[in-house]
Amino acid sequence: MAWSVTALCVGGILSVAARMAIDHSRGGSREHARGLSFVLGACMLVGSASGIVGALI
């Protein structure tokens, strides 16, 4: 399960990066920082999940 979630986190970061690149080539703004912060926050939560569960058990 951990490997699947890690792969999803990497996929999410790549997805945001691709949208940023497409927007940059079209002359878009920098509104993707919010999406990137959500993805990175989710990655940090996933990374700390086993420690949190271990502390509770």
Protein backbone atom coordinates (compact mmCIF):
# COMPACT_ATOMS: atom_id res chain seq x y z
CA MET A 1 0.00 0.00 0.00
CA ALA A 2 2.82 2.40 0.85
CA TRP A 3 4.41 1.95 -2.59
CA SER A 4 1.08 2.64 -4.30
CA VAL A 5 0.54 5.83 -2.34
CA THR A 6 4.12 6.93 -2.98
CA ALA A 7 3.60 6.39 -6.71
CA LEU A 8 0.40 8.47 -6.53
CA CYS A 9 2.29 11.27 -4.77
CA VAL A 10 4.97 11.28 -7.47
CA GLY A 11 2.24 11.23 -10.12
CA GLY A 12 0.53 14.18 -8.46
CA ILE A 13 3.73 16.21 -8.43
CA LEU A 14 4.38 15.37 -12.08
CA SER A 15 0.81 16.34 -12.96
CA VAL A 16 1.12 19.74 -11.33
CA ALA A 17 4.50 20.26 -12.98
CA ALA A 18 3.05 19.41 -16.40
CA ARG A 19 0.19 21.88 -15.90
CA MET A 20 2.68 24.53 -14.84
CA ALA A 21 4.78 23.92 -17.96
CA ILE A 22 1.77 24.08 -20.26
CA ASP A 23 0.53 27.27 -18.61
CA HIS A 24 3.99 28.83 -18.83
CA SER A 25 4.23 28.11 -22.54
CA ARG A 26 0.82 29.77 -23.03
CA GLY A 27 1.83 32.77 -20.95
CA GLY A 28 -0.32 31.84 -17.97
CA SER A 29 -0.03 32.97 -14.39
CA ARG A 30 1.46 31.30 -11.33
CA GLU A 31 -1.71 29.97 -9.72
CA HIS A 32 -0.43 26.39 -9.51
CA ALA A 33 1.38 26.97 -6.24
CA ARG A 34 -1.83 26.12 -4.39
CA GLY A 35 -2.15 22.77 -6.17
CA LEU A 36 1.49 21.99 -5.54
CA SER A 37 1.11 22.82 -1.85
CA PHE A 38 -1.86 20.44 -1.57
CA VAL A 39 0.08 17.63 -3.25
CA LEU A 40 3.17 18.20 -1.11
CA GLY A 41 1.01 18.35 2.03
CA ALA A 42 -0.55 15.02 1.12
CA CYS A 43 2.91 13.55 0.54
CA MET A 44 4.02 14.71 3.99
CA LEU A 45 0.90 13.21 5.55
CA VAL A 46 1.52 9.89 3.81
CA GLY A 47 5.16 9.94 4.86
CA SER A 48 4.27 10.46 8.51
CA ALA A 49 1.30 8.09 8.58
CA SER A 50 3.25 5.03 9.69
CA GLY A 51 4.88 7.00 12.50
CA ILE A 52 1.50 8.32 13.66
CA VAL A 53 -0.06 4.86 13.62
CA GLY A 54 2.98 3.41 15.40
CA ALA A 55 2.69 6.02 18.13
CA LEU A 56 -1.01 5.30 18.63
CA ILE A 57 -0.51 1.53 18.83
